[in-house]
Amino acid sequence: MTRIDHMDLRADTEHSQSTAPSIPQGSCVQNGHISAAPMSPYRLSLCLLILGWSERELARRTGEHRTTLRRWLSGESDVDPAVAKWLDVLVAVHVANPGPRRKPLSVLGGEATPTPL
């Protein structure tokens, strides 16, 4: 077994252009060396809830059949990785930039009373 301090980290990587030490190819999700875990049915449901979309709307926007979406939501099959990545981006943008509200709701009071602006 080779000691870490004697390993040439640049030797077995695809980052030969880099001047900084690289991570050996293998288990690095951020750099695209391996794929991330598939989107869970719960996370897919949460994405639809955050975006305010129905199954039908997701089917319309992706071109997938509604039966396929039901299989994704029930866990019978894995969500298409391209759709999962696209939804993650949409949700991130939606959460970071929520739409304006004419009458902000008071969540703490338990009733829908407008707060002064």
N, C-alpha and C. Protein backbone atom coordinates (compact mmCIF):
# COMPACT_ATOMS: atom_id res chain seq x y z
N MET A 1 0.85 -1.18 0.00
CA MET A 1 0.00 0.00 0.00
C MET A 1 0.89 1.24 0.00
N THR A 2 0.57 2.20 -0.83
CA THR A 2 1.37 3.40 -0.96
C THR A 2 0.95 4.41 0.09
N ARG A 3 1.93 5.05 0.71
CA ARG A 3 1.62 6.09 1.68
C ARG A 3 1.12 7.32 0.94
N ILE A 4 0.21 8.04 1.59
CA ILE A 4 -0.40 9.21 0.96
C ILE A 4 0.63 10.27 0.64
N ASP A 5 1.60 10.49 1.51
CA ASP A 5 2.57 11.56 1.27
C ASP A 5 3.53 11.22 0.13
N HIS A 6 3.51 9.98 -0.38
CA HIS A 6 4.36 9.58 -1.49
C HIS A 6 3.58 9.44 -2.81
N MET A 7 2.29 9.74 -2.79
CA MET A 7 1.47 9.58 -3.99
C MET A 7 1.53 10.84 -4.84
N ASP A 8 1.55 10.64 -6.15
CA ASP A 8 1.44 11.76 -7.08
C ASP A 8 -0.03 11.89 -7.44
N LEU A 9 -0.70 12.88 -6.83
CA LEU A 9 -2.13 13.02 -7.01
C LEU A 9 -2.52 13.43 -8.42
N ARG A 10 -1.62 14.02 -9.17
CA ARG A 10 -1.94 14.46 -10.52
C ARG A 10 -1.82 13.34 -11.55
N ALA A 11 -1.20 12.27 -11.21
CA ALA A 11 -0.89 11.23 -12.18
C ALA A 11 -2.13 10.58 -12.77
N ASP A 12 -3.15 10.28 -11.96
CA ASP A 12 -4.31 9.53 -12.43
C ASP A 12 -5.58 10.37 -12.52
N THR A 13 -5.46 11.64 -12.79
CA THR A 13 -6.64 12.48 -12.87
C THR A 13 -6.81 13.05 -14.26
N GLU A 14 -7.99 13.57 -14.51
CA GLU A 14 -8.27 14.23 -15.78
C GLU A 14 -8.04 15.74 -15.68
N HIS A 15 -7.49 16.20 -14.57
CA HIS A 15 -7.31 17.62 -14.34
C HIS A 15 -5.86 18.02 -14.59
N SER A 16 -5.27 17.55 -15.64
CA SER A 16 -3.85 17.79 -15.89
C SER A 16 -3.54 19.25 -16.19
N GLN A 17 -4.52 20.04 -16.60
CA GLN A 17 -4.30 21.46 -16.87
C GLN A 17 -4.14 22.26 -15.59
N SER A 18 -4.65 21.76 -14.50
CA SER A 18 -4.65 22.49 -13.24
C SER A 18 -3.25 22.54 -12.63
N THR A 19 -2.92 23.67 -12.01
CA THR A 19 -1.64 23.78 -11.32
C THR A 19 -1.78 23.40 -9.86
N ALA A 20 -3.00 23.39 -9.34
CA ALA A 20 -3.23 23.01 -7.95
C ALA A 20 -3.31 21.50 -7.85
N PRO A 21 -2.99 20.94 -6.67
CA PRO A 21 -3.13 19.49 -6.49
C PRO A 21 -4.58 19.07 -6.72
N SER A 22 -4.76 17.95 -7.37
CA SER A 22 -6.10 17.47 -7.72
C SER A 22 -6.50 16.30 -6.85
N ILE A 23 -7.78 16.03 -6.87
CA ILE A 23 -8.32 14.86 -6.18
C ILE A 23 -8.28 13.71 -7.16
N PRO A 24 -7.82 12.53 -6.74
CA PRO A 24 -7.80 11.39 -7.65
C PRO A 24 -9.20 11.10 -8.16
N GLN A 25 -9.27 10.60 -9.39
CA GLN A 25 -10.55 10.28 -9.99
C GLN A 25 -11.21 9.18 -9.19
N GLY A 26 -12.51 9.32 -8.97
CA GLY A 26 -13.20 8.30 -8.21
C GLY A 26 -14.47 8.81 -7.59
N SER A 27 -14.45 9.08 -6.31
CA SER A 27 -15.68 9.36 -5.59
C SER A 27 -15.91 10.85 -5.36
N CYS A 28 -16.01 11.62 -6.41
CA CYS A 28 -16.21 13.06 -6.28
C CYS A 28 -17.44 13.47 -7.07
N VAL A 29 -18.57 13.67 -6.38
CA VAL A 29 -19.82 14.00 -7.04
C VAL A 29 -19.75 15.39 -7.68
N GLN A 30 -19.17 16.38 -6.96
CA GLN A 30 -19.15 17.74 -7.47
C GLN A 30 -18.42 17.86 -8.80
N ASN A 31 -17.38 17.11 -9.01
CA ASN A 31 -16.62 17.19 -10.25
C ASN A 31 -17.14 16.26 -11.33
N GLY A 32 -18.24 15.58 -11.07
CA GLY A 32 -18.88 14.75 -12.08
C GLY A 32 -18.22 13.40 -12.29
N HIS A 33 -17.37 12.96 -11.37
CA HIS A 33 -16.72 11.67 -11.55
C HIS A 33 -17.69 10.51 -11.34
N ILE A 34 -18.64 10.68 -10.43
CA ILE A 34 -19.68 9.67 -10.25
C ILE A 34 -21.02 10.39 -10.20
N SER A 35 -22.07 9.68 -10.49
CA SER A 35 -23.38 10.30 -10.47
C SER A 35 -23.91 10.39 -9.04
N ALA A 36 -24.73 11.39 -8.80
CA ALA A 36 -25.35 11.56 -7.50
C ALA A 36 -26.46 10.52 -7.32
N ALA A 37 -26.93 10.38 -6.09
CA ALA A 37 -28.02 9.45 -5.81
C ALA A 37 -29.27 9.90 -6.55
N PRO A 38 -30.10 8.97 -6.98
CA PRO A 38 -31.32 9.36 -7.70
C PRO A 38 -32.27 10.14 -6.79
N MET A 39 -33.11 10.96 -7.40
CA MET A 39 -34.08 11.76 -6.64
C MET A 39 -35.12 10.81 -6.04
N SER A 40 -35.39 11.00 -4.76
CA SER A 40 -36.37 10.15 -4.09
C SER A 40 -37.79 10.62 -4.43
N PRO A 41 -38.78 9.72 -4.28
CA PRO A 41 -40.16 10.12 -4.52
C PRO A 41 -40.59 11.29 -3.61
N TYR A 42 -40.11 11.27 -2.36
CA TYR A 42 -40.44 12.35 -1.44
C TYR A 42 -39.90 13.68 -1.95
N ARG A 43 -38.65 13.68 -2.40
CA ARG A 43 -38.05 14.91 -2.90
C ARG A 43 -38.76 15.40 -4.17
N LEU A 44 -39.17 14.48 -5.02
CA LEU A 44 -39.93 14.86 -6.22
C LEU A 44 -41.25 15.51 -5.82
N SER A 45 -41.95 14.92 -4.85
CA SER A 45 -43.20 15.49 -4.36
C SER A 45 -42.98 16.87 -3.77
N LEU A 46 -41.90 17.03 -3.03
CA LEU A 46 -41.56 18.32 -2.43
C LEU A 46 -41.28 19.37 -3.50
N CYS A 47 -40.58 18.98 -4.55
CA CYS A 47 -40.32 19.90 -5.67
C CYS A 47 -41.62 20.37 -6.30
N LEU A 48 -42.55 19.44 -6.52
CA LEU A 48 -43.83 19.81 -7.11
C LEU A 48 -44.60 20.75 -6.19
N LEU A 49 -44.55 20.49 -4.91
CA LEU A 49 -45.24 21.33 -3.95
C LEU A 49 -44.65 22.74 -3.92
N ILE A 50 -43.34 22.85 -3.90
CA ILE A 50 -42.66 24.15 -3.87
C ILE A 50 -42.96 24.95 -5.13
N LEU A 51 -42.95 24.28 -6.27
CA LEU A 51 -43.20 24.96 -7.54
C LEU A 51 -44.69 25.24 -7.78
N GLY A 52 -45.54 24.55 -7.01
CA GLY A 52 -46.98 24.72 -7.21
C GLY A 52 -47.49 23.99 -8.44
N TRP A 53 -46.83 22.90 -8.80
CA TRP A 53 -47.18 22.14 -9.99
C TRP A 53 -47.91 20.85 -9.62
N SER A 54 -48.75 20.41 -10.51
CA SER A 54 -49.40 19.10 -10.39
C SER A 54 -48.58 18.09 -11.20
N GLU A 55 -48.97 16.82 -11.07
CA GLU A 55 -48.34 15.79 -11.92
C GLU A 55 -48.56 16.12 -13.38
N ARG A 56 -49.76 16.57 -13.69
CA ARG A 56 -50.10 16.89 -15.07
C ARG A 56 -49.21 18.01 -15.62
N GLU A 57 -48.94 19.03 -14.79
CA GLU A 57 -48.10 20.14 -15.24
C GLU A 57 -46.66 19.67 -15.48
N LEU A 58 -46.13 18.82 -14.59
CA LEU A 58 -44.79 18.29 -14.79
C LEU A 58 -44.74 17.44 -16.06
N ALA A 59 -45.77 16.65 -16.29
CA ALA A 59 -45.83 15.84 -17.51
C ALA A 59 -45.83 16.73 -18.75
N ARG A 60 -46.60 17.81 -18.70
CA ARG A 60 -46.65 18.72 -19.84
C ARG A 60 -45.30 19.37 -20.10
N ARG A 61 -44.62 19.78 -19.04
CA ARG A 61 -43.35 20.48 -19.20
C ARG A 61 -42.19 19.57 -19.58
N THR A 62 -42.26 18.30 -19.19
CA THR A 62 -41.15 17.37 -19.49
C THR A 62 -41.41 16.49 -20.70
N GLY A 63 -42.67 16.37 -21.09
CA GLY A 63 -43.00 15.47 -22.20
C GLY A 63 -43.10 14.02 -21.77
N GLU A 64 -43.06 13.76 -20.48
CA GLU A 64 -43.19 12.39 -19.96
C GLU A 64 -44.67 12.05 -19.83
N HIS A 65 -44.98 10.77 -19.92
CA HIS A 65 -46.35 10.31 -19.75
C HIS A 65 -46.69 10.37 -18.26
N ARG A 66 -47.95 10.64 -17.96
CA ARG A 66 -48.36 10.75 -16.55
C ARG A 66 -48.16 9.44 -15.79
N THR A 67 -48.27 8.31 -16.48
CA THR A 67 -48.03 7.02 -15.83
C THR A 67 -46.57 6.93 -15.37
N THR A 68 -45.66 7.44 -16.17
CA THR A 68 -44.24 7.45 -15.79
C THR A 68 -44.05 8.29 -14.54
N LEU A 69 -44.71 9.45 -14.48
CA LEU A 69 -44.59 10.31 -13.30
C LEU A 69 -45.15 9.63 -12.07
N ARG A 70 -46.25 8.93 -12.22
CA ARG A 70 -46.82 8.21 -11.08
C ARG A 70 -45.85 7.13 -10.59
N ARG A 71 -45.16 6.49 -11.51
CA ARG A 71 -44.16 5.48 -11.11
C ARG A 71 -43.01 6.13 -10.37
N TRP A 72 -42.60 7.32 -10.82
CA TRP A 72 -41.54 8.05 -10.11
C TRP A 72 -42.01 8.41 -8.70
N LEU A 73 -43.24 8.91 -8.58
CA LEU A 73 -43.76 9.35 -7.29
C LEU A 73 -44.03 8.18 -6.33
N SER A 74 -44.30 7.00 -6.87
CA SER A 74 -44.54 5.84 -6.01
C SER A 74 -43.24 5.09 -5.69
N GLY A 75 -42.17 5.43 -6.40
CA GLY A 75 -40.89 4.75 -6.17
C GLY A 75 -40.72 3.49 -6.98
N GLU A 76 -41.65 3.23 -7.90
CA GLU A 76 -41.54 2.03 -8.74
C GLU A 76 -40.38 2.11 -9.73
N SER A 77 -40.03 3.35 -10.14
CA SER A 77 -38.88 3.54 -11.02
C SER A 77 -38.17 4.82 -10.63
N ASP A 78 -36.91 4.93 -11.04
CA ASP A 78 -36.10 6.11 -10.70
C ASP A 78 -36.48 7.29 -11.58
N VAL A 79 -36.39 8.48 -10.99
CA VAL A 79 -36.64 9.71 -11.72
C VAL A 79 -35.51 9.90 -12.73
N ASP A 80 -35.86 10.32 -13.93
CA ASP A 80 -34.87 10.62 -14.96
C ASP A 80 -33.86 11.63 -14.40
N PRO A 81 -32.56 11.32 -14.43
CA PRO A 81 -31.56 12.23 -13.86
C PRO A 81 -31.58 13.63 -14.45
N ALA A 82 -31.88 13.76 -15.74
CA ALA A 82 -31.95 15.09 -16.35
C ALA A 82 -33.12 15.89 -15.78
N VAL A 83 -34.25 15.24 -15.56
CA VAL A 83 -35.42 15.90 -14.98
C VAL A 83 -35.13 16.27 -13.52
N ALA A 84 -34.48 15.36 -12.79
CA ALA A 84 -34.15 15.62 -11.39
C ALA A 84 -33.23 16.84 -11.27
N LYS A 85 -32.23 16.91 -12.11
CA LYS A 85 -31.30 18.04 -12.08
C LYS A 85 -32.02 19.34 -12.42
N TRP A 86 -32.88 19.30 -13.44
CA TRP A 86 -33.64 20.46 -13.86
C TRP A 86 -34.56 20.95 -12.75
N LEU A 87 -35.24 20.01 -12.08
CA LEU A 87 -36.13 20.38 -10.97
C LEU A 87 -35.35 20.98 -9.81
N ASP A 88 -34.18 20.42 -9.51
CA ASP A 88 -33.35 20.97 -8.43
C ASP A 88 -33.00 22.42 -8.71
N VAL A 89 -32.64 22.72 -9.95
CA VAL A 89 -32.29 24.09 -10.33
C VAL A 89 -33.51 25.00 -10.22
N LEU A 90 -34.65 24.56 -10.74
CA LEU A 90 -35.88 25.36 -10.67
C LEU A 90 -36.29 25.66 -9.23
N VAL A 91 -36.22 24.65 -8.38
CA VAL A 91 -36.59 24.84 -6.97
C VAL A 91 -35.63 25.81 -6.29
N ALA A 92 -34.33 25.67 -6.56
CA ALA A 92 -33.35 26.56 -5.95
C ALA A 92 -33.61 28.02 -6.35
N VAL A 93 -33.90 28.24 -7.61
CA VAL A 93 -34.19 29.60 -8.09
C VAL A 93 -35.50 30.09 -7.48
N HIS A 94 -36.50 29.24 -7.43
CA HIS A 94 -37.81 29.62 -6.89
C HIS A 94 -37.71 29.98 -5.41
N VAL A 95 -36.95 29.20 -4.65
CA VAL A 95 -36.80 29.47 -3.21
C VAL A 95 -35.98 30.74 -2.99
N ALA A 96 -34.95 30.95 -3.79
CA ALA A 96 -34.10 32.13 -3.64
C ALA A 96 -34.81 33.41 -4.09
N ASN A 97 -35.76 33.31 -5.00
CA ASN A 97 -36.46 34.48 -5.55
C ASN A 97 -37.97 34.27 -5.53
N PRO A 98 -38.57 34.28 -4.34
CA PRO A 98 -40.02 34.07 -4.28
C PRO A 98 -40.76 35.24 -4.94
N GLY A 99 -41.91 34.94 -5.47
CA GLY A 99 -42.72 35.97 -6.11
C GLY A 99 -43.24 36.98 -5.09
N PRO A 100 -43.53 38.18 -5.54
CA PRO A 100 -44.05 39.19 -4.62
C PRO A 100 -45.48 38.88 -4.20
N ARG A 101 -45.82 39.28 -2.99
CA ARG A 101 -47.18 39.11 -2.48
C ARG A 101 -47.79 40.49 -2.27
N ARG A 102 -49.03 40.63 -2.66
CA ARG A 102 -49.72 41.91 -2.42
C ARG A 102 -49.98 42.08 -0.93
N LYS A 103 -50.41 41.01 -0.29
CA LYS A 103 -50.73 41.05 1.13
C LYS A 103 -49.95 39.94 1.84
N PRO A 104 -48.80 40.28 2.44
CA PRO A 104 -48.04 39.24 3.16
C PRO A 104 -48.88 38.63 4.27
N LEU A 105 -48.75 37.33 4.45
CA LEU A 105 -49.52 36.63 5.46
C LEU A 105 -48.74 36.55 6.76
N SER A 106 -49.46 36.71 7.87
CA SER A 106 -48.85 36.56 9.18
C SER A 106 -48.93 35.09 9.57
N VAL A 107 -47.82 34.42 9.53
CA VAL A 107 -47.79 32.99 9.83
C VAL A 107 -47.92 32.74 11.33
N LEU A 108 -47.35 33.61 12.14
CA LEU A 108 -47.37 33.41 13.59
C LEU A 108 -48.75 33.60 14.20
N GLY A 109 -49.55 34.51 13.63
CA GLY A 109 -50.87 34.78 14.19
C GLY A 109 -51.89 33.71 13.87
N GLY A 110 -51.63 32.87 12.91
CA GLY A 110 -52.54 31.79 12.56
C GLY A 110 -53.69 32.23 11.67
N GLU A 111 -53.80 33.51 11.36
CA GLU A 111 -54.86 33.98 10.48
C GLU A 111 -54.25 34.77 9.34
N ALA A 112 -54.98 34.92 8.30
CA ALA A 112 -54.48 35.62 7.12
C ALA A 112 -54.70 37.13 7.26
N THR A 113 -53.87 37.75 8.08
CA THR A 113 -53.96 39.20 8.25
C THR A 113 -52.79 39.86 7.56
N PRO A 114 -53.05 40.93 6.81
CA PRO A 114 -51.94 41.60 6.14
C PRO A 114 -51.06 42.33 7.15
N THR A 115 -49.78 42.31 6.95
CA THR A 115 -48.85 43.04 7.80
C THR A 115 -48.57 44.38 7.17
N PRO A 116 -48.38 45.41 7.99
CA PRO A 116 -48.09 46.74 7.41
C PRO A 116 -46.78 46.76 6.67
N LEU A 117 -46.75 47.48 5.58
CA LEU A 117 -45.53 47.56 4.77
C LEU A 117 -44.68 48.70 5.18
